[in-house]
Amino acid sequence: MSTYLESDKGKFIPATKRPDGTWRKARRVKDGYVPQEEVPLYESKGKQFVAQRQTGVPPGMCPLVAAELKKAHEKKEKAKVQKVERQTTATTASAVTSTKATPSMAKNKIGHGKESEISVLSNTLDGALKLTTDGDEVEVDTAKQIKKLRKKIREIEQIESKIQAGDVNKLDKDQLDKVKKKPEILKQLRKIEESPLT
């Protein structure tokens, strides 16, 4: 932060007085010279990148633009949170009105106090939040169950073929238990295949 004086010879740093009373000579300064104390410290690219990350701005992005985007993002998040809160309060309000409508639940409230009230509210919320299943979803579910049961039967038949081949010593306890469950699995499979789709 030196002050340079200009003369017909060029720039120079003026003479200064030392604490002991002697004088420093004026020094000539070449064009483009920066004194050592004014030279900024060297920072590697890695250090610059870390410093940039700590500011929260992506490398190369203008901090002003980043601040505007951050404000917009926070505003959207706040709106989402408020919307979710409104929905939950509306759901709880409908649950409370439905609990007041049934007299048997009112008796439970009187009998057990706040604990029963909480359990009643949670039960009604669970009922309100359950999604209705379409016929397609039920078909997919039963198809998955049938597929799983058929796979278990195939595995059991493979184990039985090993038993018939005489490899009983190589089988695990779990595999032998699986073979014992074959009749139960067959019953379940028949039951699912015979039941009409709802």
C-alpha atoms as a PDB file:
ATOM      1  CA  MET A   1       0.000   0.000   0.000  1.00  0.00           C
ATOM      2  CA  SER A   2       2.945   2.262  -0.675  1.00  0.00           C
ATOM      3  CA  THR A   3       2.377   5.644  -2.182  1.00  0.00           C
ATOM      4  CA  TYR A   4       4.457   6.264  -5.257  1.00  0.00           C
ATOM      5  CA  LEU A   5       5.591   9.702  -6.328  1.00  0.00           C
ATOM      6  CA  GLU A   6       6.194  10.496  -9.975  1.00  0.00           C
ATOM      7  CA  SER A   7       8.949  12.619 -11.367  1.00  0.00           C
ATOM      8  CA  ASP A   8      10.607  13.129 -14.725  1.00  0.00           C
ATOM      9  CA  LYS A   9      12.769  10.043 -14.025  1.00  0.00           C
ATOM     10  CA  GLY A  10       9.739   7.800 -13.340  1.00  0.00           C
ATOM     11  CA  LYS A  11       8.016   6.443 -10.219  1.00  0.00           C
ATOM     12  CA  PHE A  12       9.810   6.348  -6.910  1.00  0.00           C
ATOM     13  CA  ILE A  13       9.131   5.604  -3.246  1.00  0.00           C
ATOM     14  CA  PRO A  14       9.836   8.751  -1.228  1.00  0.00           C
ATOM     15  CA  ALA A  15      12.451   8.888   1.532  1.00  0.00           C
ATOM     16  CA  THR A  16      11.207   7.904   4.997  1.00  0.00           C
ATOM     17  CA  LYS A  17      12.533   8.494   8.495  1.00  0.00           C
ATOM     18  CA  ARG A  18      13.575   5.487  10.605  1.00  0.00           C
ATOM     19  CA  PRO A  19      12.712   5.248  14.331  1.00  0.00           C
ATOM     20  CA  ASP A  20      16.311   6.039  15.288  1.00  0.00           C
ATOM     21  CA  GLY A  21      16.148   9.331  13.370  1.00  0.00           C
ATOM     22  CA  THR A  22      18.109   8.405  10.237  1.00  0.00           C
ATOM     23  CA  TRP A  23      16.622   8.673   6.758  1.00  0.00           C
ATOM     24  CA  ARG A  24      16.016   5.996   4.139  1.00  0.00           C
ATOM     25  CA  LYS A  25      16.877   7.002   0.587  1.00  0.00           C
ATOM     26  CA  ALA A  26      14.158   7.390  -2.010  1.00  0.00           C
ATOM     27  CA  ARG A  27      13.972   4.303  -4.236  1.00  0.00           C
ATOM     28  CA  ARG A  28      13.140   4.242  -7.891  1.00  0.00           C
ATOM     29  CA  VAL A  29      10.372   1.827  -8.951  1.00  0.00           C
ATOM     30  CA  LYS A  30      10.108   0.273 -12.391  1.00  0.00           C
ATOM     31  CA  ASP A  31       6.764   0.152 -14.183  1.00  0.00           C
ATOM     32  CA  GLY A  32       4.751  -2.939 -13.168  1.00  0.00           C
ATOM     33  CA  TYR A  33       6.692  -3.486  -9.908  1.00  0.00           C
ATOM     34  CA  VAL A  34       4.651  -4.707  -6.957  1.00  0.00           C
ATOM     35  CA  PRO A  35       6.314  -4.627  -3.522  1.00  0.00           C
ATOM     36  CA  GLN A  36       6.768  -7.997  -1.812  1.00  0.00           C
ATOM     37  CA  GLU A  37       4.285  -7.228   0.963  1.00  0.00           C
ATOM     38  CA  GLU A  38       1.586  -6.429  -1.602  1.00  0.00           C
ATOM     39  CA  VAL A  39       2.028  -9.616  -3.659  1.00  0.00           C
ATOM     40  CA  PRO A  40      -0.940 -11.918  -2.993  1.00  0.00           C
ATOM     41  CA  LEU A  41      -0.134 -15.340  -1.544  1.00  0.00           C
ATOM     42  CA  TYR A  42       0.019 -18.192  -4.035  1.00  0.00           C
ATOM     43  CA  GLU A  43      -2.914 -20.599  -3.883  1.00  0.00           C
ATOM     44  CA  SER A  44      -2.892 -23.874  -5.748  1.00  0.00           C
ATOM     45  CA  LYS A  45      -5.880 -24.873  -7.876  1.00  0.00           C
ATOM     46  CA  GLY A  46      -6.911 -27.374  -5.197  1.00  0.00           C
ATOM     47  CA  LYS A  47      -6.951 -24.706  -2.485  1.00  0.00           C
ATOM     48  CA  GLN A  48      -8.935 -22.381  -4.723  1.00  0.00           C
ATOM     49  CA  PHE A  49     -11.431 -25.156  -5.460  1.00  0.00           C
ATOM     50  CA  VAL A  50     -11.893 -25.936  -1.726  1.00  0.00           C
ATOM     51  CA  ALA A  51     -12.322 -22.248  -0.928  1.00  0.00           C
ATOM     52  CA  GLN A  52     -14.911 -21.980  -3.726  1.00  0.00           C
ATOM     53  CA  ARG A  53     -16.818 -25.017  -2.363  1.00  0.00           C
ATOM     54  CA  GLN A  54     -16.919 -23.550   1.132  1.00  0.00           C
ATOM     55  CA  THR A  55     -18.739 -20.522  -0.208  1.00  0.00           C
ATOM     56  CA  GLY A  56     -21.438 -22.875  -1.494  1.00  0.00           C
ATOM     57  CA  VAL A  57     -21.166 -21.612  -5.063  1.00  0.00           C
ATOM     58  CA  PRO A  58     -20.361 -24.060  -7.874  1.00  0.00           C
ATOM     59  CA  PRO A  59     -16.977 -23.400  -9.531  1.00  0.00           C
ATOM     60  CA  GLY A  60     -17.226 -20.735 -12.193  1.00  0.00           C
ATOM     61  CA  MET A  61     -20.703 -19.549 -11.179  1.00  0.00           C
ATOM     62  CA  CYS A  62     -21.381 -15.947 -10.274  1.00  0.00           C
ATOM     63  CA  PRO A  63     -22.090 -15.638  -6.518  1.00  0.00           C
ATOM     64  CA  LEU A  64     -24.976 -13.228  -7.177  1.00  0.00           C
ATOM     65  CA  VAL A  65     -26.744 -15.676  -9.493  1.00  0.00           C
ATOM     66  CA  ALA A  66     -26.128 -18.493  -7.001  1.00  0.00           C
ATOM     67  CA  ALA A  67     -27.670 -16.418  -4.196  1.00  0.00           C
ATOM     68  CA  GLU A  68     -30.790 -15.724  -6.296  1.00  0.00           C
ATOM     69  CA  LEU A  69     -31.158 -19.416  -7.178  1.00  0.00           C
ATOM     70  CA  LYS A  70     -30.711 -20.388  -3.538  1.00  0.00           C
ATOM     71  CA  LYS A  71     -33.456 -17.965  -2.466  1.00  0.00           C
ATOM     72  CA  ALA A  72     -35.802 -19.345  -5.117  1.00  0.00           C
ATOM     73  CA  HIS A  73     -35.054 -22.931  -4.046  1.00  0.00           C
ATOM     74  CA  GLU A  74     -35.667 -22.096  -0.369  1.00  0.00           C
ATOM     75  CA  LYS A  75     -38.963 -20.437  -1.303  1.00  0.00           C
ATOM     76  CA  LYS A  76     -40.088 -23.586  -3.172  1.00  0.00           C
ATOM     77  CA  GLU A  77     -39.091 -25.824  -0.260  1.00  0.00           C
ATOM     78  CA  LYS A  78     -40.993 -23.602   2.168  1.00  0.00           C
ATOM     79  CA  ALA A  79     -44.091 -23.786  -0.040  1.00  0.00           C
ATOM     80  CA  LYS A  80     -43.826 -27.605  -0.175  1.00  0.00           C
ATOM     81  CA  VAL A  81     -43.552 -27.847   3.609  1.00  0.00           C
ATOM     82  CA  GLN A  82     -46.576 -25.582   4.064  1.00  0.00           C
ATOM     83  CA  LYS A  83     -48.596 -27.642   1.578  1.00  0.00           C
ATOM     84  CA  VAL A  84     -47.757 -30.884   3.396  1.00  0.00           C
ATOM     85  CA  GLU A  85     -48.676 -29.289   6.734  1.00  0.00           C
ATOM     86  CA  ARG A  86     -52.033 -28.141   5.338  1.00  0.00           C
ATOM     87  CA  GLN A  87     -52.752 -31.633   4.029  1.00  0.00           C
ATOM     88  CA  THR A  88     -51.874 -33.298   7.339  1.00  0.00           C
ATOM     89  CA  THR A  89     -53.983 -30.835   9.319  1.00  0.00           C
ATOM     90  CA  ALA A  90     -56.899 -31.431   6.941  1.00  0.00           C
ATOM     91  CA  THR A  91     -56.493 -35.206   7.322  1.00  0.00           C
ATOM     92  CA  THR A  92     -56.314 -35.004  11.110  1.00  0.00           C
ATOM     93  CA  ALA A  93     -59.335 -32.690  11.190  1.00  0.00           C
ATOM     94  CA  SER A  94     -61.363 -35.169   9.129  1.00  0.00           C
ATOM     95  CA  ALA A  95     -60.127 -37.980  11.368  1.00  0.00           C
ATOM     96  CA  VAL A  96     -61.194 -36.081  14.482  1.00  0.00           C
ATOM     97  CA  THR A  97     -64.655 -35.438  13.054  1.00  0.00           C
ATOM     98  CA  SER A  98     -65.010 -39.117  12.124  1.00  0.00           C
ATOM     99  CA  THR A  99     -64.006 -40.167  15.654  1.00  0.00           C
ATOM    100  CA  LYS A 100     -66.595 -37.833  17.145  1.00  0.00           C
ATOM    101  CA  ALA A 101     -69.276 -39.343  14.928  1.00  0.00           C
ATOM    102  CA  THR A 102     -68.953 -42.906  16.285  1.00  0.00           C
ATOM    103  CA  PRO A 103     -70.267 -43.375  19.851  1.00  0.00           C
ATOM    104  CA  SER A 104     -68.246 -46.539  20.544  1.00  0.00           C
ATOM    105  CA  MET A 105     -65.038 -44.599  20.034  1.00  0.00           C
ATOM    106  CA  ALA A 106     -66.290 -41.905  22.362  1.00  0.00           C
ATOM    107  CA  LYS A 107     -66.690 -44.542  25.081  1.00  0.00           C
ATOM    108  CA  ASN A 108     -63.092 -45.596  24.516  1.00  0.00           C
ATOM    109  CA  LYS A 109     -61.980 -42.007  24.976  1.00  0.00           C
ATOM    110  CA  ILE A 110     -63.730 -41.755  28.315  1.00  0.00           C
ATOM    111  CA  GLY A 111     -62.402 -45.104  29.517  1.00  0.00           C
ATOM    112  CA  HIS A 112     -58.705 -44.748  28.769  1.00  0.00           C
ATOM    113  CA  GLY A 113     -58.013 -41.039  28.448  1.00  0.00           C
ATOM    114  CA  LYS A 114     -55.398 -39.595  26.111  1.00  0.00           C
ATOM    115  CA  GLU A 115     -53.786 -42.937  25.227  1.00  0.00           C
ATOM    116  CA  SER A 116     -57.012 -44.252  23.721  1.00  0.00           C
ATOM    117  CA  GLU A 117     -57.590 -40.938  21.949  1.00  0.00           C
ATOM    118  CA  ILE A 118     -54.166 -41.194  20.324  1.00  0.00           C
ATOM    119  CA  SER A 119     -54.738 -44.792  19.296  1.00  0.00           C
ATOM    120  CA  VAL A 120     -58.176 -43.923  17.855  1.00  0.00           C
ATOM    121  CA  LEU A 121     -56.693 -41.036  15.889  1.00  0.00           C
ATOM    122  CA  SER A 122     -53.860 -43.189  14.555  1.00  0.00           C
ATOM    123  CA  ASN A 123     -56.316 -45.918  13.521  1.00  0.00           C
ATOM    124  CA  THR A 124     -58.540 -43.453  11.678  1.00  0.00           C
ATOM    125  CA  LEU A 125     -55.514 -41.844  10.027  1.00  0.00           C
ATOM    126  CA  ASP A 126     -54.331 -45.262   8.877  1.00  0.00           C
ATOM    127  CA  GLY A 127     -57.764 -45.926   7.432  1.00  0.00           C
ATOM    128  CA  ALA A 128     -57.850 -42.548   5.707  1.00  0.00           C
ATOM    129  CA  LEU A 129     -54.374 -42.896   4.248  1.00  0.00           C
ATOM    130  CA  LYS A 130     -54.791 -46.416   2.861  1.00  0.00           C
ATOM    131  CA  LEU A 131     -54.741 -46.509  -0.904  1.00  0.00           C
ATOM    132  CA  THR A 132     -57.553 -48.288  -2.651  1.00  0.00           C
ATOM    133  CA  THR A 133     -56.363 -51.260  -4.670  1.00  0.00           C
ATOM    134  CA  ASP A 134     -57.551 -51.698  -8.212  1.00  0.00           C
ATOM    135  CA  GLY A 135     -58.389 -55.077  -9.721  1.00  0.00           C
ATOM    136  CA  ASP A 136     -55.174 -54.963 -11.781  1.00  0.00           C
ATOM    137  CA  GLU A 137     -53.035 -54.633  -8.670  1.00  0.00           C
ATOM    138  CA  VAL A 138     -54.792 -57.604  -7.053  1.00  0.00           C
ATOM    139  CA  GLU A 139     -54.145 -59.696 -10.165  1.00  0.00           C
ATOM    140  CA  VAL A 140     -50.479 -58.722 -10.133  1.00  0.00           C
ATOM    141  CA  ASP A 141     -50.225 -59.580  -6.440  1.00  0.00           C
ATOM    142  CA  THR A 142     -51.768 -63.027  -6.879  1.00  0.00           C
ATOM    143  CA  ALA A 143     -49.620 -63.624  -9.957  1.00  0.00           C
ATOM    144  CA  LYS A 144     -46.531 -62.832  -7.887  1.00  0.00           C
ATOM    145  CA  GLN A 145     -47.643 -65.187  -5.121  1.00  0.00           C
ATOM    146  CA  ILE A 146     -48.284 -67.997  -7.617  1.00  0.00           C
ATOM    147  CA  LYS A 147     -44.864 -67.399  -9.178  1.00  0.00           C
ATOM    148  CA  LYS A 148     -43.147 -67.551  -5.769  1.00  0.00           C
ATOM    149  CA  LEU A 149     -44.949 -70.745  -4.764  1.00  0.00           C
ATOM    150  CA  ARG A 150     -44.120 -72.450  -8.067  1.00  0.00           C
ATOM    151  CA  LYS A 151     -40.475 -71.499  -7.624  1.00  0.00           C
ATOM    152  CA  LYS A 152     -40.475 -73.043  -4.139  1.00  0.00           C
ATOM    153  CA  ILE A 153     -41.979 -76.247  -5.555  1.00  0.00           C
ATOM    154  CA  ARG A 154     -39.279 -76.375  -8.257  1.00  0.00           C
ATOM    155  CA  GLU A 155     -36.580 -75.990  -5.596  1.00  0.00           C
ATOM    156  CA  ILE A 156     -38.185 -78.748  -3.502  1.00  0.00           C
ATOM    157  CA  GLU A 157     -38.276 -81.070  -6.522  1.00  0.00           C
ATOM    158  CA  GLN A 158     -34.569 -80.411  -7.143  1.00  0.00           C
ATOM    159  CA  ILE A 159     -33.805 -81.298  -3.518  1.00  0.00           C
ATOM    160  CA  GLU A 160     -35.929 -84.458  -3.825  1.00  0.00           C
ATOM    161  CA  SER A 161     -33.986 -85.484  -6.936  1.00  0.00           C
ATOM    162  CA  LYS A 162     -30.745 -85.075  -4.945  1.00  0.00           C
ATOM    163  CA  ILE A 163     -32.193 -87.245  -2.179  1.00  0.00           C
ATOM    164  CA  GLN A 164     -33.129 -89.945  -4.708  1.00  0.00           C
ATOM    165  CA  ALA A 165     -29.608 -89.767  -6.170  1.00  0.00           C
ATOM    166  CA  GLY A 166     -28.195 -90.482  -2.696  1.00  0.00           C
ATOM    167  CA  ASP A 167     -26.681 -87.074  -1.872  1.00  0.00           C
ATOM    168  CA  VAL A 168     -28.446 -86.848   1.513  1.00  0.00           C
ATOM    169  CA  ASN A 169     -25.205 -86.078   3.372  1.00  0.00           C
ATOM    170  CA  LYS A 170     -24.618 -82.915   1.307  1.00  0.00           C
ATOM    171  CA  LEU A 171     -28.030 -81.401   2.142  1.00  0.00           C
ATOM    172  CA  ASP A 172     -28.530 -78.766   4.829  1.00  0.00           C
ATOM    173  CA  LYS A 173     -31.108 -78.856   7.585  1.00  0.00           C
ATOM    174  CA  ASP A 174     -32.941 -75.950   5.895  1.00  0.00           C
ATOM    175  CA  GLN A 175     -33.223 -77.918   2.657  1.00  0.00           C
ATOM    176  CA  LEU A 176     -34.706 -80.923   4.473  1.00  0.00           C
ATOM    177  CA  ASP A 177     -37.190 -78.624   6.255  1.00  0.00           C
ATOM    178  CA  LYS A 178     -38.171 -77.174   2.888  1.00  0.00           C
ATOM    179  CA  VAL A 179     -38.964 -80.663   1.564  1.00  0.00           C
ATOM    180  CA  LYS A 180     -41.244 -81.261   4.577  1.00  0.00           C
ATOM    181  CA  LYS A 181     -43.207 -78.090   3.743  1.00  0.00           C
ATOM    182  CA  LYS A 182     -44.114 -79.249   0.218  1.00  0.00           C
ATOM    183  CA  PRO A 183     -47.741 -80.283   1.074  1.00  0.00           C
ATOM    184  CA  GLU A 184     -48.416 -76.897   2.711  1.00  0.00           C
ATOM    185  CA  ILE A 185     -47.052 -75.015  -0.295  1.00  0.00           C
ATOM    186  CA  LEU A 186     -49.152 -77.113  -2.679  1.00  0.00           C
ATOM    187  CA  LYS A 187     -52.277 -76.349  -0.596  1.00  0.00           C
ATOM    188  CA  GLN A 188     -51.534 -72.619  -0.719  1.00  0.00           C
ATOM    189  CA  LEU A 189     -50.958 -72.774  -4.473  1.00  0.00           C
ATOM    190  CA  ARG A 190     -54.264 -74.568  -5.093  1.00  0.00           C
ATOM    191  CA  LYS A 191     -56.094 -72.160  -2.809  1.00  0.00           C
ATOM    192  CA  ILE A 192     -54.756 -69.096  -4.655  1.00  0.00           C
ATOM    193  CA  GLU A 193     -55.393 -70.568  -8.098  1.00  0.00           C
ATOM    194  CA  GLU A 194     -58.988 -71.552  -7.191  1.00  0.00           C
ATOM    195  CA  SER A 195     -59.943 -68.309  -5.466  1.00  0.00           C
ATOM    196  CA  PRO A 196     -61.882 -65.909  -7.747  1.00  0.00           C
ATOM    197  CA  LEU A 197     -60.282 -62.527  -8.403  1.00  0.00           C
ATOM    198  CA  THR A 198     -61.974 -59.651  -6.579  1.00  0.00           C
END
